[in-house]
Amino acid sequence: MTFSRSVRYEMADLQRVAVTESVDDASALIAAFTTFAGETINLGPDYRVSIRVSGLPLVRLVEKAAKILLLEKRTVKTGARDTVLTYVVSRKQRNILFFDVTYWLKDDAKHRLRTVLSAAFMACGVISDPSSGRYRLVFTPIHESGARLLITLLSSINLIPGKIRQQGKATVSLTSGDDITDFLRFCGAARALLYYEEQRSERELSGQVHRQLNFDDANLSRRVRSIESQLKSIDIIARTRGLDSLSPQLYEAAQARLVNRGASLEELGALMNPAVSKSGMSHRFAKLRAIAAAIQQEES
């Protein structure tokens, strides 16, 4: 089972309890499914609505909510991937077909947003498995108006959705790992949230380790190149003028490097008499390189 499907099924389990306990939740769920994955036809005295869902748990959820609202079921068409549920809705119940965003964002109705956003995800959402390293949750509602509505709803709970067109359809997405975890938390999908956070933490820790290893490797490479340059300069001076031609400080630094080829500048500095700082040792070797460079220029 994909991660997206497991999230949908977990939300379906949660919402089956919610719609059983509240007619308002049942209305919110049918309104959301109709808006994001449904087609409504005005027949005059009533409406015919067809809702497309994927997976038996979602079919049972929509049927449960429809039964609570006393909707008349007309047909059920089951395809290879989706099931289309068709109901007749009387004109006096039209409020459950035409999503009233003004109502659902009122303070006394906002607690129903969990049902609305859960239904939106179940109807038209997909989420990348965090183990892949991608943090992406995408909604593809059946109508353009659904995309605009989703942006309003997600923004109302302080998430930052983006809107683009893919294959001619408007999509709304969350691409921040923090926003996606906040969405799962808001919808009450505890199992999905726990898995998402675990995978995200593991990948971020792994990334930190790799960055540290790369940093250490880079430092080691720079150190090796620096020591090679120092030894080369000392060799040039020794072969041409002799190390005895150097000042006492430079002679001491050169001898220390020859004896301690893998030592750091801090370690070499501690061997000087008196001790010398890292920057002081760096300055001495810079002088040795300058002398070697001058000798090479004279020879050429």
Protein backbone atom coordinates (compact mmCIF):
# COMPACT_ATOMS: atom_id res chain seq x y z
CA MET A 1 0.00 0.00 0.00
CA THR A 2 1.31 3.44 -0.90
CA PHE A 3 1.83 6.08 1.77
CA SER A 4 -0.91 8.24 0.19
CA ARG A 5 -3.43 5.41 0.40
CA SER A 6 -2.53 4.59 4.01
CA VAL A 7 -3.10 8.26 4.93
CA ARG A 8 -6.49 8.28 3.16
CA TYR A 9 -7.59 5.12 4.94
CA GLU A 10 -6.50 6.43 8.34
CA MET A 11 -8.47 9.63 7.71
CA ALA A 12 -11.48 7.56 6.59
CA ASP A 13 -11.43 5.65 9.89
CA LEU A 14 -11.32 8.91 11.85
CA GLN A 15 -14.08 10.56 9.85
CA ARG A 16 -16.38 7.53 10.03
CA VAL A 17 -16.57 8.18 13.76
CA ALA A 18 -17.02 11.94 13.26
CA VAL A 19 -19.90 11.70 10.77
CA THR A 20 -21.65 9.12 12.93
CA GLU A 21 -21.65 11.52 15.87
CA SER A 22 -22.51 14.74 14.01
CA VAL A 23 -24.84 15.67 11.16
CA ASP A 24 -22.73 18.79 10.63
CA ASP A 25 -19.65 16.63 10.05
CA ALA A 26 -21.61 14.46 7.62
CA SER A 27 -22.71 17.60 5.75
CA ALA A 28 -19.16 18.97 5.70
CA LEU A 29 -17.82 15.69 4.33
CA ILE A 30 -20.38 15.40 1.52
CA ALA A 31 -19.90 19.09 0.66
CA ALA A 32 -16.13 18.61 0.42
CA PHE A 33 -16.28 15.40 -1.64
CA THR A 34 -18.82 17.02 -3.99
CA THR A 35 -16.66 20.13 -4.38
CA PHE A 36 -13.31 18.41 -4.91
CA ALA A 37 -14.27 15.13 -6.62
CA GLY A 38 -17.88 15.44 -7.70
CA GLU A 39 -20.17 16.49 -10.56
CA THR A 40 -23.52 18.12 -9.86
CA ILE A 41 -26.41 18.35 -12.35
CA ASN A 42 -29.42 20.59 -11.71
CA LEU A 43 -32.52 18.57 -12.54
CA GLY A 44 -34.98 21.34 -11.61
CA PRO A 45 -36.80 20.04 -8.54
CA ASP A 46 -33.65 18.39 -7.24
CA TYR A 47 -29.97 17.72 -8.00
CA ARG A 48 -28.03 14.68 -9.09
CA VAL A 49 -24.53 14.46 -7.68
CA SER A 50 -21.88 11.91 -8.64
CA ILE A 51 -18.89 11.49 -6.33
CA ARG A 52 -15.76 9.62 -7.44
CA VAL A 53 -13.76 7.89 -4.70
CA SER A 54 -10.91 5.38 -4.61
CA GLY A 55 -10.84 2.45 -2.19
CA LEU A 56 -13.49 0.59 -0.20
CA PRO A 57 -12.93 2.53 3.08
CA LEU A 58 -13.73 5.79 1.27
CA VAL A 59 -16.78 4.26 -0.41
CA ARG A 60 -18.11 3.16 2.97
CA LEU A 61 -17.39 6.59 4.47
CA VAL A 62 -19.32 8.49 1.79
CA GLU A 63 -22.17 5.98 1.97
CA LYS A 64 -22.28 6.40 5.76
CA ALA A 65 -22.46 10.19 5.54
CA ALA A 66 -25.09 10.02 2.76
CA LYS A 67 -27.22 7.66 4.83
CA ILE A 68 -27.08 9.99 7.85
CA LEU A 69 -28.21 12.87 5.59
CA LEU A 70 -30.99 10.69 4.13
CA LEU A 71 -29.70 11.07 0.56
CA GLU A 72 -31.32 8.84 -2.04
CA LYS A 73 -28.75 6.61 -3.71
CA ARG A 74 -29.28 6.10 -7.43
CA THR A 75 -26.30 4.17 -8.78
CA VAL A 76 -22.93 2.73 -7.83
CA LYS A 77 -20.44 2.19 -10.63
CA THR A 78 -17.27 0.36 -9.74
CA GLY A 79 -14.31 0.63 -12.09
CA ALA A 80 -10.78 -0.74 -12.05
CA ARG A 81 -9.55 2.03 -9.74
CA ASP A 82 -12.49 4.23 -8.72
CA THR A 83 -16.08 3.95 -7.63
CA VAL A 84 -18.69 6.53 -8.64
CA LEU A 85 -21.55 7.02 -6.19
CA THR A 86 -24.61 8.88 -7.52
CA TYR A 87 -27.24 10.44 -5.28
CA VAL A 88 -30.35 12.55 -5.68
CA VAL A 89 -30.35 15.62 -3.45
CA SER A 90 -33.50 17.62 -2.85
CA ARG A 91 -33.45 21.36 -3.36
CA LYS A 92 -33.91 22.01 0.36
CA GLN A 93 -30.63 20.12 0.97
CA ARG A 94 -28.67 22.05 -1.67
CA ASN A 95 -26.40 23.56 1.02
CA ILE A 96 -24.47 20.27 1.23
CA LEU A 97 -23.59 20.46 -2.48
CA PHE A 98 -22.45 24.05 -2.80
CA PHE A 99 -19.61 24.70 -0.43
CA ASP A 100 -20.24 27.82 1.65
CA VAL A 101 -16.72 28.87 2.63
CA THR A 102 -18.06 31.86 4.56
CA TYR A 103 -20.01 29.53 6.83
CA TRP A 104 -17.24 26.99 7.40
CA LEU A 105 -14.75 29.71 8.36
CA LYS A 106 -17.00 31.20 11.02
CA ASP A 107 -15.63 30.79 14.53
CA ASP A 108 -18.51 28.53 15.57
CA ALA A 109 -18.02 26.22 12.57
CA LYS A 110 -14.22 26.19 12.23
CA HIS A 111 -13.94 23.00 14.24
CA ARG A 112 -15.50 21.23 11.21
CA LEU A 113 -12.48 22.16 9.09
CA ARG A 114 -10.78 18.92 10.16
CA THR A 115 -13.55 17.02 8.38
CA VAL A 116 -13.44 19.35 5.36
CA LEU A 117 -9.68 19.18 4.85
CA SER A 118 -9.52 15.45 5.53
CA ALA A 119 -12.23 14.96 2.89
CA ALA A 120 -10.31 17.21 0.48
CA PHE A 121 -7.24 15.00 0.85
CA MET A 122 -9.22 11.79 0.51
CA ALA A 123 -10.97 13.17 -2.57
CA CYS A 124 -8.06 14.61 -4.54
CA GLY A 125 -4.82 14.54 -2.53
CA VAL A 126 -1.55 12.65 -2.83
CA ILE A 127 1.47 12.84 -0.55
CA SER A 128 5.05 11.78 -1.24
CA ASP A 129 6.53 9.13 1.00
CA PRO A 130 9.08 11.05 3.14
CA SER A 131 11.52 8.14 2.85
CA SER A 132 12.04 9.28 -0.77
CA GLY A 133 13.45 12.58 0.47
CA ARG A 134 10.65 14.60 -1.17
CA TYR A 135 8.32 16.68 0.96
CA ARG A 136 5.27 17.29 -1.18
CA LEU A 137 1.50 17.13 -0.71
CA VAL A 138 -0.60 17.89 -3.80
CA PHE A 139 -4.34 18.41 -4.26
CA THR A 140 -5.83 18.13 -7.76
CA PRO A 141 -9.50 19.10 -7.45
CA ILE A 142 -11.83 18.34 -10.33
CA HIS A 143 -12.71 22.03 -10.83
CA GLU A 144 -10.66 25.24 -10.82
CA SER A 145 -12.96 26.68 -8.13
CA GLY A 146 -11.89 23.83 -5.85
CA ALA A 147 -8.26 24.94 -6.11
CA ARG A 148 -9.16 28.49 -5.09
CA LEU A 149 -11.19 27.17 -2.18
CA LEU A 150 -8.34 24.95 -0.98
CA ILE A 151 -5.95 27.89 -0.91
CA THR A 152 -8.43 29.78 1.28
CA LEU A 153 -8.97 26.84 3.64
CA LEU A 154 -5.28 25.94 4.00
CA SER A 155 -4.32 29.57 4.55
CA SER A 156 -6.95 29.82 7.30
CA ILE A 157 -4.94 27.32 9.40
CA ASN A 158 -1.66 29.17 8.73
CA LEU A 159 -0.28 26.89 6.01
CA ILE A 160 1.38 28.27 2.87
CA PRO A 161 -0.08 26.58 -0.24
CA GLY A 162 1.21 27.06 -3.77
CA LYS A 163 -0.85 26.85 -6.95
CA ILE A 164 0.38 25.67 -10.36
CA ARG A 165 -1.09 24.03 -13.45
CA GLN A 166 -0.14 20.47 -14.36
CA GLN A 167 -1.45 18.86 -17.54
CA GLY A 168 -4.07 21.58 -17.82
CA LYS A 169 -5.37 21.15 -14.26
CA ALA A 170 -4.99 23.52 -11.33
CA THR A 171 -3.13 21.92 -8.44
CA VAL A 172 -2.56 23.18 -4.92
CA SER A 173 0.51 21.97 -3.06
CA LEU A 174 2.36 22.07 0.24
CA THR A 175 6.12 21.67 -0.20
CA SER A 176 7.38 22.48 3.29
CA GLY A 177 7.99 19.53 5.58
CA ASP A 178 6.75 21.63 8.50
CA ASP A 179 3.51 22.53 6.66
CA ILE A 180 2.86 18.90 5.76
CA THR A 181 3.34 17.70 9.33
CA ASP A 182 1.07 20.52 10.53
CA PHE A 183 -1.58 19.40 8.01
CA LEU A 184 -1.42 15.77 9.16
CA ARG A 185 -1.55 16.90 12.78
CA PHE A 186 -4.56 19.14 12.10
CA CYS A 187 -6.40 16.27 10.42
CA GLY A 188 -5.64 13.98 13.37
CA ALA A 189 -3.73 11.41 11.27
CA ALA A 190 -1.48 10.32 14.15
CA ARG A 191 0.01 7.19 12.53
CA ALA A 192 0.88 9.04 9.34
CA LEU A 193 2.30 11.95 11.33
CA LEU A 194 4.51 9.65 13.44
CA TYR A 195 5.86 7.87 10.34
CA TYR A 196 6.41 11.17 8.52
CA GLU A 197 8.32 12.72 11.43
CA GLU A 198 10.44 9.58 11.93
CA GLN A 199 11.43 9.41 8.27
CA ARG A 200 12.05 13.13 8.09
CA SER A 201 14.23 13.08 11.23
CA GLU A 202 16.24 10.11 9.95
CA ARG A 203 16.89 11.78 6.59
CA GLU A 204 17.83 15.10 8.16
CA LEU A 205 20.18 13.38 10.62
CA SER A 206 21.71 11.40 7.76
CA GLY A 207 22.12 14.62 5.80
CA GLN A 208 23.87 16.28 8.74
CA VAL A 209 26.24 13.32 9.08
CA HIS A 210 27.05 13.37 5.36
CA ARG A 211 27.65 17.13 5.43
CA GLN A 212 29.98 16.73 8.42
CA LEU A 213 31.85 13.90 6.70
CA ASN A 214 32.19 15.95 3.53
CA PHE A 215 33.38 18.90 5.60
CA ASP A 216 35.96 16.72 7.39
CA ASP A 217 37.11 15.22 4.07
CA ALA A 218 37.53 18.69 2.59
CA ASN A 219 39.50 19.85 5.62
CA LEU A 220 41.72 16.77 5.44
CA SER A 221 42.37 17.31 1.74
CA ARG A 222 43.31 20.95 2.34
CA ARG A 223 45.60 19.92 5.18
CA VAL A 224 47.35 17.28 3.04
CA ARG A 225 47.88 19.77 0.20
CA SER A 226 49.23 22.36 2.64
CA ILE A 227 51.72 19.90 4.19
CA GLU A 228 52.87 18.79 0.72
CA SER A 229 53.48 22.43 -0.21
CA GLN A 230 55.45 23.03 2.99
CA LEU A 231 57.62 19.95 2.48
CA LYS A 232 58.26 20.88 -1.15
CA SER A 233 59.40 24.37 -0.14
CA ILE A 234 61.67 22.96 2.59
CA ASP A 235 63.19 20.49 0.09
CA ILE A 236 63.93 23.25 -2.45
CA ILE A 237 65.68 25.35 0.20
CA ALA A 238 67.61 22.36 1.57
CA ARG A 239 68.88 21.35 -1.92
CA THR A 240 69.97 24.83 -2.97
CA ARG A 241 70.95 27.01 -0.02
CA GLY A 242 70.71 24.57 2.87
CA LEU A 243 68.43 24.92 5.85
CA ASP A 244 71.29 26.51 7.84
CA SER A 245 70.77 29.62 5.70
CA LEU A 246 67.39 30.21 7.35
CA SER A 247 66.69 32.36 10.38
CA PRO A 248 66.46 30.44 13.69
CA GLN A 249 62.66 30.70 13.71
CA LEU A 250 62.27 29.41 10.14
CA TYR A 251 64.90 26.71 10.69
CA GLU A 252 63.03 25.51 13.79
CA ALA A 253 59.74 25.40 11.85
CA ALA A 254 61.29 23.51 8.92
CA GLN A 255 62.94 20.92 11.17
CA ALA A 256 59.69 20.42 13.11
CA ARG A 257 57.80 19.75 9.88
CA LEU A 258 60.39 17.26 8.63
CA VAL A 259 60.21 15.33 11.88
CA ASN A 260 56.40 15.59 12.29
CA ARG A 261 55.04 15.28 8.75
CA GLY A 262 51.42 14.68 9.69
CA ALA A 263 51.15 17.20 12.52
CA SER A 264 48.76 20.15 12.41
CA LEU A 265 49.92 23.75 12.67
CA GLU A 266 48.66 23.86 16.28
CA GLU A 267 50.70 20.75 17.13
CA LEU A 268 53.83 22.15 15.47
CA GLY A 269 53.36 25.47 17.24
CA ALA A 270 53.35 23.71 20.60
CA LEU A 271 56.80 22.27 19.77
CA MET A 272 58.38 25.68 19.23
CA ASN A 273 60.45 27.34 21.95
CA PRO A 274 58.65 29.43 23.02
CA ALA A 275 55.31 28.05 21.76
CA VAL A 276 53.80 29.70 18.68
CA SER A 277 50.14 30.10 17.71
CA LYS A 278 48.55 28.53 14.63
CA SER A 279 48.61 31.85 12.80
CA GLY A 280 52.26 32.32 13.78
CA MET A 281 53.18 28.93 12.30
CA SER A 282 51.17 29.72 9.18
CA HIS A 283 53.16 32.94 8.81
CA ARG A 284 56.49 31.06 9.14
CA PHE A 285 55.56 28.54 6.46
CA ALA A 286 54.35 31.33 4.21
CA LYS A 287 57.86 32.81 4.47
CA LEU A 288 59.40 29.42 3.63
CA ARG A 289 57.20 29.15 0.52
CA ALA A 290 58.17 32.67 -0.51
CA ILE A 291 61.90 31.83 -0.20
CA ALA A 292 61.43 28.63 -2.22
CA ALA A 293 59.48 30.52 -4.89
CA ALA A 294 62.27 33.12 -5.14
CA ILE A 295 64.89 30.36 -5.52
CA GLN A 296 62.88 28.72 -8.31
CA GLN A 297 62.53 32.06 -10.07
CA GLU A 298 66.29 32.63 -9.87
CA GLU A 299 66.99 29.17 -11.25
CA SER A 300 64.63 29.70 -14.17
